[in-house]
Amino acid sequence: MILTNFLDRLKQEYYTLDGLSQENYYARLSGLFVLLELDGER
């Protein structure tokens, strides 16, 4: 992933974070944390 795509994804996550619910939070946050760990670190 290139930096602009990474930044766009972070912004998307930021703006949609309020939509997390008891049913979907774990999958969404887990995916975000994997993105941060892999692409963020790189």
PDB file of all heavy atoms in Angstrom:
ATOM      1  N   MET A   1       0.848  -1.170   0.000  1.00  0.00           N
ATOM      2  CA  MET A   1       0.000   0.000   0.000  1.00  0.00           C
ATOM      3  C   MET A   1       0.899   1.240   0.000  1.00  0.00           C
ATOM      4  O   MET A   1       1.881   1.292   0.719  1.00  0.00           O
ATOM      5  CB  MET A   1      -0.905  -0.015   1.236  1.00  0.00           C
ATOM      6  CG  MET A   1      -1.826   1.170   1.333  1.00  0.00           C
ATOM      7  SD  MET A   1      -2.989   1.084   2.724  1.00  0.00           S
ATOM      8  CE  MET A   1      -4.061  -0.235   2.209  1.00  0.00           C
ATOM      9  N   ILE A   2       0.518   2.216  -0.804  1.00  0.00           N
ATOM     10  CA  ILE A   2       1.279   3.461  -0.837  1.00  0.00           C
ATOM     11  C   ILE A   2       0.724   4.421   0.212  1.00  0.00           C
ATOM     12  O   ILE A   2      -0.385   4.247   0.709  1.00  0.00           O
ATOM     13  CB  ILE A   2       1.286   4.092  -2.245  1.00  0.00           C
ATOM     14  CG1 ILE A   2      -0.127   4.462  -2.686  1.00  0.00           C
ATOM     15  CG2 ILE A   2       1.971   3.176  -3.251  1.00  0.00           C
ATOM     16  CD1 ILE A   2      -0.187   5.232  -3.984  1.00  0.00           C
ATOM     17  N   LEU A   3       1.503   5.423   0.529  1.00  0.00           N
ATOM     18  CA  LEU A   3       1.163   6.330   1.623  1.00  0.00           C
ATOM     19  C   LEU A   3      -0.189   7.013   1.414  1.00  0.00           C
ATOM     20  O   LEU A   3      -0.969   7.121   2.362  1.00  0.00           O
ATOM     21  CB  LEU A   3       2.267   7.366   1.805  1.00  0.00           C
ATOM     22  CG  LEU A   3       2.101   8.310   2.993  1.00  0.00           C
ATOM     23  CD1 LEU A   3       2.010   7.540   4.305  1.00  0.00           C
ATOM     24  CD2 LEU A   3       3.245   9.297   3.041  1.00  0.00           C
ATOM     25  N   THR A   4      -0.494   7.453   0.206  1.00  0.00           N
ATOM     26  CA  THR A   4      -1.780   8.141  -0.010  1.00  0.00           C
ATOM     27  C   THR A   4      -2.951   7.201   0.211  1.00  0.00           C
ATOM     28  O   THR A   4      -3.964   7.603   0.787  1.00  0.00           O
ATOM     29  CB  THR A   4      -1.861   8.776  -1.418  1.00  0.00           C
ATOM     30  OG1 THR A   4      -1.614   7.770  -2.399  1.00  0.00           O
ATOM     31  CG2 THR A   4      -0.882   9.912  -1.573  1.00  0.00           C
ATOM     32  N   ASN A   5      -2.824   5.954  -0.202  1.00  0.00           N
ATOM     33  CA  ASN A   5      -3.889   4.972   0.040  1.00  0.00           C
ATOM     34  C   ASN A   5      -4.033   4.673   1.530  1.00  0.00           C
ATOM     35  O   ASN A   5      -5.144   4.514   2.037  1.00  0.00           O
ATOM     36  CB  ASN A   5      -3.624   3.678  -0.719  1.00  0.00           C
ATOM     37  CG  ASN A   5      -3.751   3.834  -2.213  1.00  0.00           C
ATOM     38  OD1 ASN A   5      -4.194   4.867  -2.709  1.00  0.00           O
ATOM     39  ND2 ASN A   5      -3.340   2.825  -2.941  1.00  0.00           N
ATOM     40  N   PHE A   6      -2.904   4.579   2.204  1.00  0.00           N
ATOM     41  CA  PHE A   6      -2.904   4.338   3.645  1.00  0.00           C
ATOM     42  C   PHE A   6      -3.614   5.484   4.368  1.00  0.00           C
ATOM     43  O   PHE A   6      -4.473   5.261   5.220  1.00  0.00           O
ATOM     44  CB  PHE A   6      -1.462   4.188   4.140  1.00  0.00           C
ATOM     45  CG  PHE A   6      -1.319   3.935   5.610  1.00  0.00           C
ATOM     46  CD1 PHE A   6      -1.696   2.731   6.169  1.00  0.00           C
ATOM     47  CD2 PHE A   6      -0.773   4.907   6.444  1.00  0.00           C
ATOM     48  CE1 PHE A   6      -1.553   2.488   7.532  1.00  0.00           C
ATOM     49  CE2 PHE A   6      -0.615   4.676   7.796  1.00  0.00           C
ATOM     50  CZ  PHE A   6      -1.012   3.466   8.342  1.00  0.00           C
ATOM     51  N   LEU A   7      -3.278   6.697   3.997  1.00  0.00           N
ATOM     52  CA  LEU A   7      -3.893   7.870   4.609  1.00  0.00           C
ATOM     53  C   LEU A   7      -5.393   7.924   4.310  1.00  0.00           C
ATOM     54  O   LEU A   7      -6.193   8.217   5.205  1.00  0.00           O
ATOM     55  CB  LEU A   7      -3.191   9.134   4.113  1.00  0.00           C
ATOM     56  CG  LEU A   7      -3.531  10.435   4.800  1.00  0.00           C
ATOM     57  CD1 LEU A   7      -3.303  10.362   6.303  1.00  0.00           C
ATOM     58  CD2 LEU A   7      -2.704  11.574   4.207  1.00  0.00           C
ATOM     59  N   ASP A   8      -5.774   7.618   3.092  1.00  0.00           N
ATOM     60  CA  ASP A   8      -7.204   7.575   2.744  1.00  0.00           C
ATOM     61  C   ASP A   8      -7.945   6.532   3.576  1.00  0.00           C
ATOM     62  O   ASP A   8      -9.063   6.766   4.037  1.00  0.00           O
ATOM     63  CB  ASP A   8      -7.399   7.273   1.260  1.00  0.00           C
ATOM     64  CG  ASP A   8      -7.017   8.435   0.362  1.00  0.00           C
ATOM     65  OD1 ASP A   8      -6.913   9.584   0.866  1.00  0.00           O
ATOM     66  OD2 ASP A   8      -6.822   8.199  -0.847  1.00  0.00           O
ATOM     67  N   ARG A   9      -7.315   5.383   3.777  1.00  0.00           N
ATOM     68  CA  ARG A   9      -7.943   4.326   4.578  1.00  0.00           C
ATOM     69  C   ARG A   9      -8.095   4.754   6.033  1.00  0.00           C
ATOM     70  O   ARG A   9      -9.118   4.504   6.668  1.00  0.00           O
ATOM     71  CB  ARG A   9      -7.121   3.054   4.468  1.00  0.00           C
ATOM     72  CG  ARG A   9      -7.582   1.919   5.333  1.00  0.00           C
ATOM     73  CD  ARG A   9      -8.856   1.248   4.819  1.00  0.00           C
ATOM     74  NE  ARG A   9      -9.353   0.276   5.757  1.00  0.00           N
ATOM     75  CZ  ARG A   9      -8.927  -0.976   5.855  1.00  0.00           C
ATOM     76  NH1 ARG A   9      -7.998  -1.426   5.039  1.00  0.00           N
ATOM     77  NH2 ARG A   9      -9.432  -1.783   6.757  1.00  0.00           N
ATOM     78  N   LEU A  10      -7.079   5.429   6.574  1.00  0.00           N
ATOM     79  CA  LEU A  10      -7.161   5.926   7.945  1.00  0.00           C
ATOM     80  C   LEU A  10      -8.303   6.924   8.084  1.00  0.00           C
ATOM     81  O   LEU A  10      -9.058   6.889   9.062  1.00  0.00           O
ATOM     82  CB  LEU A  10      -5.846   6.580   8.369  1.00  0.00           C
ATOM     83  CG  LEU A  10      -4.624   5.684   8.491  1.00  0.00           C
ATOM     84  CD1 LEU A  10      -3.414   6.505   8.902  1.00  0.00           C
ATOM     85  CD2 LEU A  10      -4.868   4.538   9.455  1.00  0.00           C
ATOM     86  N   LYS A  11      -8.439   7.809   7.105  1.00  0.00           N
ATOM     87  CA  LYS A  11      -9.524   8.789   7.142  1.00  0.00           C
ATOM     88  C   LYS A  11     -10.880   8.107   7.062  1.00  0.00           C
ATOM     89  O   LYS A  11     -11.819   8.489   7.770  1.00  0.00           O
ATOM     90  CB  LYS A  11      -9.375   9.795   5.999  1.00  0.00           C
ATOM     91  CG  LYS A  11      -8.215  10.746   6.197  1.00  0.00           C
ATOM     92  CD  LYS A  11      -8.075  11.687   5.018  1.00  0.00           C
ATOM     93  CE  LYS A  11      -6.906  12.612   5.187  1.00  0.00           C
ATOM     94  NZ  LYS A  11      -6.754  13.517   4.028  1.00  0.00           N
ATOM     95  N   GLN A  12     -10.992   7.105   6.217  1.00  0.00           N
ATOM     96  CA  GLN A  12     -12.251   6.359   6.119  1.00  0.00           C
ATOM     97  C   GLN A  12     -12.585   5.701   7.457  1.00  0.00           C
ATOM     98  O   GLN A  12     -13.731   5.759   7.917  1.00  0.00           O
ATOM     99  CB  GLN A  12     -12.148   5.298   5.028  1.00  0.00           C
ATOM    100  CG  GLN A  12     -13.381   4.423   4.927  1.00  0.00           C
ATOM    101  CD  GLN A  12     -13.183   3.247   3.991  1.00  0.00           C
ATOM    102  OE1 GLN A  12     -12.090   3.010   3.484  1.00  0.00           O
ATOM    103  NE2 GLN A  12     -14.232   2.503   3.770  1.00  0.00           N
ATOM    104  N   GLU A  13     -11.607   5.081   8.067  1.00  0.00           N
ATOM    105  CA  GLU A  13     -11.834   4.449   9.371  1.00  0.00           C
ATOM    106  C   GLU A  13     -12.234   5.490  10.408  1.00  0.00           C
ATOM    107  O   GLU A  13     -13.130   5.260  11.210  1.00  0.00           O
ATOM    108  CB  GLU A  13     -10.583   3.690   9.828  1.00  0.00           C
ATOM    109  CG  GLU A  13     -10.236   2.486   8.994  1.00  0.00           C
ATOM    110  CD  GLU A  13     -11.238   1.354   9.113  1.00  0.00           C
ATOM    111  OE1 GLU A  13     -12.004   1.308  10.097  1.00  0.00           O
ATOM    112  OE2 GLU A  13     -11.244   0.507   8.208  1.00  0.00           O
ATOM    113  N   TYR A  14     -11.576   6.638  10.390  1.00  0.00           N
ATOM    114  CA  TYR A  14     -11.878   7.704  11.346  1.00  0.00           C
ATOM    115  C   TYR A  14     -13.340   8.148  11.212  1.00  0.00           C
ATOM    116  O   TYR A  14     -14.057   8.272  12.201  1.00  0.00           O
ATOM    117  CB  TYR A  14     -10.933   8.887  11.123  1.00  0.00           C
ATOM    118  CG  TYR A  14     -11.254  10.071  11.998  1.00  0.00           C
ATOM    119  CD1 TYR A  14     -10.769  10.134  13.299  1.00  0.00           C
ATOM    120  CD2 TYR A  14     -12.056  11.116  11.543  1.00  0.00           C
ATOM    121  CE1 TYR A  14     -11.064  11.207  14.119  1.00  0.00           C
ATOM    122  CE2 TYR A  14     -12.348  12.199  12.358  1.00  0.00           C
ATOM    123  CZ  TYR A  14     -11.857  12.233  13.643  1.00  0.00           C
ATOM    124  OH  TYR A  14     -12.161  13.290  14.462  1.00  0.00           O
ATOM    125  N   TYR A  15     -13.767   8.392   9.982  1.00  0.00           N
ATOM    126  CA  TYR A  15     -15.117   8.926   9.770  1.00  0.00           C
ATOM    127  C   TYR A  15     -16.221   7.888   9.946  1.00  0.00           C
ATOM    128  O   TYR A  15     -17.379   8.256  10.143  1.00  0.00           O
ATOM    129  CB  TYR A  15     -15.216   9.590   8.395  1.00  0.00           C
ATOM    130  CG  TYR A  15     -14.449  10.875   8.335  1.00  0.00           C
ATOM    131  CD1 TYR A  15     -13.356  11.028   7.492  1.00  0.00           C
ATOM    132  CD2 TYR A  15     -14.790  11.951   9.152  1.00  0.00           C
ATOM    133  CE1 TYR A  15     -12.633  12.212   7.446  1.00  0.00           C
ATOM    134  CE2 TYR A  15     -14.064  13.136   9.124  1.00  0.00           C
ATOM    135  CZ  TYR A  15     -13.000  13.257   8.270  1.00  0.00           C
ATOM    136  OH  TYR A  15     -12.283  14.421   8.235  1.00  0.00           O
ATOM    137  N   THR A  16     -15.888   6.617   9.886  1.00  0.00           N
ATOM    138  CA  THR A  16     -16.916   5.583  10.043  1.00  0.00           C
ATOM    139  C   THR A  16     -16.857   4.889  11.402  1.00  0.00           C
ATOM    140  O   THR A  16     -17.650   3.998  11.673  1.00  0.00           O
ATOM    141  CB  THR A  16     -16.814   4.526   8.924  1.00  0.00           C
ATOM    142  OG1 THR A  16     -15.526   3.910   8.977  1.00  0.00           O
ATOM    143  CG2 THR A  16     -17.040   5.152   7.551  1.00  0.00           C
ATOM    144  N   LEU A  17     -15.938   5.309  12.247  1.00  0.00           N
ATOM    145  CA  LEU A  17     -15.748   4.656  13.547  1.00  0.00           C
ATOM    146  C   LEU A  17     -16.984   4.742  14.437  1.00  0.00           C
ATOM    147  O   LEU A  17     -17.271   3.817  15.197  1.00  0.00           O
ATOM    148  CB  LEU A  17     -14.547   5.270  14.264  1.00  0.00           C
ATOM    149  CG  LEU A  17     -13.904   4.439  15.354  1.00  0.00           C
ATOM    150  CD1 LEU A  17     -13.382   3.124  14.796  1.00  0.00           C
ATOM    151  CD2 LEU A  17     -12.779   5.192  16.002  1.00  0.00           C
ATOM    152  N   ASP A  18     -17.726   5.822  14.336  1.00  0.00           N
ATOM    153  CA  ASP A  18     -18.921   5.960  15.165  1.00  0.00           C
ATOM    154  C   ASP A  18     -19.985   4.927  14.817  1.00  0.00           C
ATOM    155  O   ASP A  18     -20.895   4.682  15.609  1.00  0.00           O
ATOM    156  CB  ASP A  18     -19.500   7.368  15.040  1.00  0.00           C
ATOM    157  CG  ASP A  18     -18.603   8.401  15.701  1.00  0.00           C
ATOM    158  OD1 ASP A  18     -17.914   8.059  16.684  1.00  0.00           O
ATOM    159  OD2 ASP A  18     -18.581   9.555  15.226  1.00  0.00           O
ATOM    160  N   GLY A  19     -19.880   4.312  13.653  1.00  0.00           N
ATOM    161  CA  GLY A  19     -20.841   3.294  13.242  1.00  0.00           C
ATOM    162  C   GLY A  19     -20.565   1.913  13.808  1.00  0.00           C
ATOM    163  O   GLY A  19     -21.306   0.971  13.520  1.00  0.00           O
ATOM    164  N   LEU A  20     -19.527   1.791  14.609  1.00  0.00           N
ATOM    165  CA  LEU A  20     -19.248   0.484  15.215  1.00  0.00           C
ATOM    166  C   LEU A  20     -20.363   0.102  16.172  1.00  0.00           C
ATOM    167  O   LEU A  20     -20.874   0.930  16.917  1.00  0.00           O
ATOM    168  CB  LEU A  20     -17.928   0.508  15.989  1.00  0.00           C
ATOM    169  CG  LEU A  20     -16.650   0.617  15.199  1.00  0.00           C
ATOM    170  CD1 LEU A  20     -15.458   0.599  16.138  1.00  0.00           C
ATOM    171  CD2 LEU A  20     -16.531  -0.487  14.185  1.00  0.00           C
ATOM    172  N   SER A  21     -20.707  -1.162  16.140  1.00  0.00           N
ATOM    173  CA  SER A  21     -21.754  -1.664  17.038  1.00  0.00           C
ATOM    174  C   SER A  21     -21.236  -2.901  17.759  1.00  0.00           C
ATOM    175  O   SER A  21     -20.156  -3.413  17.455  1.00  0.00           O
ATOM    176  CB  SER A  21     -22.997  -2.026  16.229  1.00  0.00           C
ATOM    177  OG  SER A  21     -22.727  -3.142  15.387  1.00  0.00           O
ATOM    178  N   GLN A  22     -22.013  -3.378  18.678  1.00  0.00           N
ATOM    179  CA  GLN A  22     -21.648  -4.593  19.414  1.00  0.00           C
ATOM    180  C   GLN A  22     -21.468  -5.776  18.451  1.00  0.00           C
ATOM    181  O   GLN A  22     -20.717  -6.688  18.744  1.00  0.00           O
ATOM    182  CB  GLN A  22     -22.729  -4.940  20.442  1.00  0.00           C
ATOM    183  CG  GLN A  22     -22.851  -3.989  21.603  1.00  0.00           C
ATOM    184  CD  GLN A  22     -21.626  -3.964  22.495  1.00  0.00           C
ATOM    185  OE1 GLN A  22     -21.017  -2.928  22.670  1.00  0.00           O
ATOM    186  NE2 GLN A  22     -21.249  -5.081  23.054  1.00  0.00           N
ATOM    187  N   GLU A  23     -22.143  -5.734  17.324  1.00  0.00           N
ATOM    188  CA  GLU A  23     -22.087  -6.849  16.377  1.00  0.00           C
ATOM    189  C   GLU A  23     -20.882  -6.799  15.449  1.00  0.00           C
ATOM    190  O   GLU A  23     -20.428  -7.823  14.969  1.00  0.00           O
ATOM    191  CB  GLU A  23     -23.362  -6.891  15.518  1.00  0.00           C
ATOM    192  CG  GLU A  23     -24.615  -7.245  16.281  1.00  0.00           C
ATOM    193  CD  GLU A  23     -25.166  -6.082  17.118  1.00  0.00           C
ATOM    194  OE1 GLU A  23     -25.009  -4.915  16.709  1.00  0.00           O
ATOM    195  OE2 GLU A  23     -25.726  -6.344  18.195  1.00  0.00           O
ATOM    196  N   ASN A  24     -20.362  -5.596  15.148  1.00  0.00           N
ATOM    197  CA  ASN A  24     -19.326  -5.518  14.121  1.00  0.00           C
ATOM    198  C   ASN A  24     -17.975  -4.965  14.583  1.00  0.00           C
ATOM    199  O   ASN A  24     -17.031  -4.931  13.817  1.00  0.00           O
ATOM    200  CB  ASN A  24     -19.820  -4.690  12.930  1.00  0.00           C
ATOM    201  CG  ASN A  24     -19.944  -3.208  13.240  1.00  0.00           C
ATOM    202  OD1 ASN A  24     -19.629  -2.724  14.317  1.00  0.00           O
ATOM    203  ND2 ASN A  24     -20.435  -2.464  12.263  1.00  0.00           N
ATOM    204  N   TYR A  25     -17.879  -4.535  15.817  1.00  0.00           N
ATOM    205  CA  TYR A  25     -16.661  -3.833  16.235  1.00  0.00           C
ATOM    206  C   TYR A  25     -15.410  -4.692  16.174  1.00  0.00           C
ATOM    207  O   TYR A  25     -14.337  -4.223  15.787  1.00  0.00           O
ATOM    208  CB  TYR A  25     -16.803  -3.226  17.636  1.00  0.00           C
ATOM    209  CG  TYR A  25     -16.710  -4.228  18.761  1.00  0.00           C
ATOM    210  CD1 TYR A  25     -15.487  -4.586  19.296  1.00  0.00           C
ATOM    211  CD2 TYR A  25     -17.848  -4.819  19.282  1.00  0.00           C
ATOM    212  CE1 TYR A  25     -15.396  -5.509  20.326  1.00  0.00           C
ATOM    213  CE2 TYR A  25     -17.773  -5.734  20.313  1.00  0.00           C
ATOM    214  CZ  TYR A  25     -16.543  -6.085  20.822  1.00  0.00           C
ATOM    215  OH  TYR A  25     -16.465  -6.995  21.824  1.00  0.00           O
ATOM    216  N   TYR A  26     -15.518  -5.946  16.557  1.00  0.00           N
ATOM    217  CA  TYR A  26     -14.316  -6.763  16.659  1.00  0.00           C
ATOM    218  C   TYR A  26     -13.657  -6.953  15.295  1.00  0.00           C
ATOM    219  O   TYR A  26     -12.444  -6.761  15.151  1.00  0.00           O
ATOM    220  CB  TYR A  26     -14.621  -8.114  17.308  1.00  0.00           C
ATOM    221  CG  TYR A  26     -13.353  -8.874  17.630  1.00  0.00           C
ATOM    222  CD1 TYR A  26     -12.643  -8.589  18.789  1.00  0.00           C
ATOM    223  CD2 TYR A  26     -12.845  -9.843  16.769  1.00  0.00           C
ATOM    224  CE1 TYR A  26     -11.453  -9.256  19.080  1.00  0.00           C
ATOM    225  CE2 TYR A  26     -11.666 -10.505  17.059  1.00  0.00           C
ATOM    226  CZ  TYR A  26     -10.982 -10.213  18.221  1.00  0.00           C
ATOM    227  OH  TYR A  26      -9.808 -10.868  18.505  1.00  0.00           O
ATOM    228  N   ALA A  27     -14.431  -7.289  14.290  1.00  0.00           N
ATOM    229  CA  ALA A  27     -13.878  -7.497  12.956  1.00  0.00           C
ATOM    230  C   ALA A  27     -13.306  -6.198  12.395  1.00  0.00           C
ATOM    231  O   ALA A  27     -12.214  -6.194  11.812  1.00  0.00           O
ATOM    232  CB  ALA A  27     -14.946  -8.054  12.015  1.00  0.00           C
ATOM    233  N   ARG A  28     -14.025  -5.106  12.552  1.00  0.00           N
ATOM    234  CA  ARG A  28     -13.561  -3.817  12.025  1.00  0.00           C
ATOM    235  C   ARG A  28     -12.280  -3.367  12.713  1.00  0.00           C
ATOM    236  O   ARG A  28     -11.321  -2.949  12.055  1.00  0.00           O
ATOM    237  CB  ARG A  28     -14.627  -2.733  12.216  1.00  0.00           C
ATOM    238  CG  ARG A  28     -15.820  -2.800  11.295  1.00  0.00           C
ATOM    239  CD  ARG A  28     -15.673  -2.013  10.015  1.00  0.00           C
ATOM    240  NE  ARG A  28     -15.135  -0.671  10.161  1.00  0.00           N
ATOM    241  CZ  ARG A  28     -15.836   0.408  10.494  1.00  0.00           C
ATOM    242  NH1 ARG A  28     -17.126   0.317  10.724  1.00  0.00           N
ATOM    243  NH2 ARG A  28     -15.238   1.580  10.580  1.00  0.00           N
ATOM    244  N   LEU A  29     -12.239  -3.404  14.040  1.00  0.00           N
ATOM    245  CA  LEU A  29     -11.047  -2.948  14.749  1.00  0.00           C
ATOM    246  C   LEU A  29      -9.875  -3.886  14.529  1.00  0.00           C
ATOM    247  O   LEU A  29      -8.738  -3.439  14.392  1.00  0.00           O
ATOM    248  CB  LEU A  29     -11.341  -2.778  16.235  1.00  0.00           C
ATOM    249  CG  LEU A  29     -12.236  -1.601  16.599  1.00  0.00           C
ATOM    250  CD1 LEU A  29     -12.522  -1.586  18.092  1.00  0.00           C
ATOM    251  CD2 LEU A  29     -11.655  -0.277  16.152  1.00  0.00           C
ATOM    252  N   SER A  30     -10.126  -5.173  14.467  1.00  0.00           N
ATOM    253  CA  SER A  30      -9.044  -6.123  14.196  1.00  0.00           C
ATOM    254  C   SER A  30      -8.406  -5.831  12.847  1.00  0.00           C
ATOM    255  O   SER A  30      -7.180  -5.833  12.716  1.00  0.00           O
ATOM    256  CB  SER A  30      -9.573  -7.559  14.215  1.00  0.00           C
ATOM    257  OG  SER A  30      -9.994  -7.918  15.502  1.00  0.00           O
ATOM    258  N   GLY A  31      -9.241  -5.563  11.848  1.00  0.00           N
ATOM    259  CA  GLY A  31      -8.732  -5.224  10.519  1.00  0.00           C
ATOM    260  C   GLY A  31      -7.916  -3.942  10.532  1.00  0.00           C
ATOM    261  O   GLY A  31      -6.866  -3.850   9.892  1.00  0.00           O
ATOM    262  N   LEU A  32      -8.395  -2.955  11.273  1.00  0.00           N
ATOM    263  CA  LEU A  32      -7.671  -1.692  11.390  1.00  0.00           C
ATOM    264  C   LEU A  32      -6.316  -1.907  12.062  1.00  0.00           C
ATOM    265  O   LEU A  32      -5.293  -1.386  11.608  1.00  0.00           O
ATOM    266  CB  LEU A  32      -8.491  -0.673  12.179  1.00  0.00           C
ATOM    267  CG  LEU A  32      -7.789   0.640  12.522  1.00  0.00           C
ATOM    268  CD1 LEU A  32      -7.373   1.388  11.265  1.00  0.00           C
ATOM    269  CD2 LEU A  32      -8.693   1.500  13.394  1.00  0.00           C
ATOM    270  N   PHE A  33      -6.284  -2.692  13.124  1.00  0.00           N
ATOM    271  CA  PHE A  33      -5.035  -2.932  13.835  1.00  0.00           C
ATOM    272  C   PHE A  33      -4.029  -3.702  12.972  1.00  0.00           C
ATOM    273  O   PHE A  33      -2.829  -3.454  13.043  1.00  0.00           O
ATOM    274  CB  PHE A  33      -5.282  -3.636  15.160  1.00  0.00           C
ATOM    275  CG  PHE A  33      -5.982  -2.776  16.171  1.00  0.00           C
ATOM    276  CD1 PHE A  33      -6.999  -3.284  16.953  1.00  0.00           C
ATOM    277  CD2 PHE A  33      -5.640  -1.448  16.351  1.00  0.00           C
ATOM    278  CE1 PHE A  33      -7.650  -2.497  17.899  1.00  0.00           C
ATOM    279  CE2 PHE A  33      -6.280  -0.644  17.281  1.00  0.00           C
ATOM    280  CZ  PHE A  33      -7.280  -1.177  18.053  1.00  0.00           C
ATOM    281  N   VAL A  34      -4.514  -4.617  12.134  1.00  0.00           N
ATOM    282  CA  VAL A  34      -3.626  -5.336  11.211  1.00  0.00           C
ATOM    283  C   VAL A  34      -3.056  -4.352  10.188  1.00  0.00           C
ATOM    284  O   VAL A  34      -1.856  -4.373   9.891  1.00  0.00           O
ATOM    285  CB  VAL A  34      -4.362  -6.505  10.515  1.00  0.00           C
ATOM    286  CG1 VAL A  34      -3.551  -7.058   9.358  1.00  0.00           C
ATOM    287  CG2 VAL A  34      -4.676  -7.600  11.518  1.00  0.00           C
ATOM    288  N   LEU A  35      -3.898  -3.477   9.660  1.00  0.00           N
ATOM    289  CA  LEU A  35      -3.445  -2.454   8.717  1.00  0.00           C
ATOM    290  C   LEU A  35      -2.349  -1.593   9.343  1.00  0.00           C
ATOM    291  O   LEU A  35      -1.316  -1.335   8.727  1.00  0.00           O
ATOM    292  CB  LEU A  35      -4.624  -1.576   8.290  1.00  0.00           C
ATOM    293  CG  LEU A  35      -4.286  -0.353   7.450  1.00  0.00           C
ATOM    294  CD1 LEU A  35      -4.011  -0.767   6.007  1.00  0.00           C
ATOM    295  CD2 LEU A  35      -5.394   0.666   7.513  1.00  0.00           C
ATOM    296  N   LEU A  36      -2.585  -1.151  10.568  1.00  0.00           N
ATOM    297  CA  LEU A  36      -1.604  -0.307  11.254  1.00  0.00           C
ATOM    298  C   LEU A  36      -0.309  -1.065  11.512  1.00  0.00           C
ATOM    299  O   LEU A  36       0.784  -0.510  11.356  1.00  0.00           O
ATOM    300  CB  LEU A  36      -2.184   0.221  12.563  1.00  0.00           C
ATOM    301  CG  LEU A  36      -3.306   1.239  12.409  1.00  0.00           C
ATOM    302  CD1 LEU A  36      -4.002   1.460  13.744  1.00  0.00           C
ATOM    303  CD2 LEU A  36      -2.781   2.546  11.847  1.00  0.00           C
ATOM    304  N   GLU A  37      -0.436  -2.319  11.898  1.00  0.00           N
ATOM    305  CA  GLU A  37       0.760  -3.101  12.211  1.00  0.00           C
ATOM    306  C   GLU A  37       1.585  -3.385  10.962  1.00  0.00           C
ATOM    307  O   GLU A  37       2.809  -3.218  10.971  1.00  0.00           O
ATOM    308  CB  GLU A  37       0.368  -4.418  12.882  1.00  0.00           C
ATOM    309  CG  GLU A  37       1.550  -5.255  13.275  1.00  0.00           C
ATOM    310  CD  GLU A  37       1.153  -6.538  13.998  1.00  0.00           C
ATOM    311  OE1 GLU A  37      -0.012  -6.685  14.389  1.00  0.00           O
ATOM    312  OE2 GLU A  37       2.036  -7.389  14.142  1.00  0.00           O
ATOM    313  N   LEU A  38       0.939  -3.803   9.900  1.00  0.00           N
ATOM    314  CA  LEU A  38       1.690  -4.197   8.711  1.00  0.00           C
ATOM    315  C   LEU A  38       2.069  -2.996   7.844  1.00  0.00           C
ATOM    316  O   LEU A  38       3.248  -2.699   7.663  1.00  0.00           O
ATOM    317  CB  LEU A  38       0.884  -5.209   7.896  1.00  0.00           C
ATOM    318  CG  LEU A  38       0.560  -6.517   8.610  1.00  0.00           C
ATOM    319  CD1 LEU A  38      -0.274  -7.425   7.724  1.00  0.00           C
ATOM    320  CD2 LEU A  38       1.809  -7.217   9.077  1.00  0.00           C
ATOM    321  N   ASP A  39       1.076  -2.311   7.313  1.00  0.00           N
ATOM    322  CA  ASP A  39       1.367  -1.192   6.415  1.00  0.00           C
ATOM    323  C   ASP A  39       1.890   0.018   7.175  1.00  0.00           C
ATOM    324  O   ASP A  39       2.759   0.738   6.672  1.00  0.00           O
ATOM    325  CB  ASP A  39       0.126  -0.824   5.602  1.00  0.00           C
ATOM    326  CG  ASP A  39      -0.205  -1.871   4.558  1.00  0.00           C
ATOM    327  OD1 ASP A  39       0.727  -2.420   3.959  1.00  0.00           O
ATOM    328  OD2 ASP A  39      -1.401  -2.149   4.342  1.00  0.00           O
ATOM    329  N   GLY A  40       1.356   0.260   8.352  1.00  0.00           N
ATOM    330  CA  GLY A  40       1.819   1.397   9.139  1.00  0.00           C
ATOM    331  C   GLY A  40       3.283   1.274   9.495  1.00  0.00           C
ATOM    332  O   GLY A  40       4.052   2.220   9.328  1.00  0.00           O
ATOM    333  N   GLU A  41       3.685   0.123   9.963  1.00  0.00           N
ATOM    334  CA  GLU A  41       5.094  -0.094  10.321  1.00  0.00           C
ATOM    335  C   GLU A  41       5.997   0.030   9.104  1.00  0.00           C
ATOM    336  O   GLU A  41       7.048   0.662   9.156  1.00  0.00           O
ATOM    337  CB  GLU A  41       5.286  -1.467  10.968  1.00  0.00           C
ATOM    338  CG  GLU A  41       4.660  -1.619  12.329  1.00  0.00           C
ATOM    339  CD  GLU A  41       5.425  -0.904  13.428  1.00  0.00           C
ATOM    340  OE1 GLU A  41       6.599  -0.535  13.229  1.00  0.00           O
ATOM    341  OE2 GLU A  41       4.827  -0.702  14.501  1.00  0.00           O
ATOM    342  N   ARG A  42       5.578  -0.577   7.999  1.00  0.00           N
ATOM    343  CA  ARG A  42       6.397  -0.537   6.784  1.00  0.00           C
ATOM    344  C   ARG A  42       6.532   0.893   6.260  1.00  0.00           C
ATOM    345  O   ARG A  42       7.633   1.358   5.959  1.00  0.00           O
ATOM    346  CB  ARG A  42       5.782  -1.432   5.702  1.00  0.00           C
ATOM    347  CG  ARG A  42       6.603  -1.486   4.425  1.00  0.00           C
ATOM    348  CD  ARG A  42       5.944  -2.348   3.358  1.00  0.00           C
ATOM    349  NE  ARG A  42       4.579  -1.947   3.080  1.00  0.00           N
ATOM    350  CZ  ARG A  42       4.227  -0.892   2.327  1.00  0.00           C
ATOM    351  NH1 ARG A  42       5.163  -0.119   1.796  1.00  0.00           N
ATOM    352  NH2 ARG A  42       2.961  -0.611   2.107  1.00  0.00           N
TER     353      ARG A  42
END
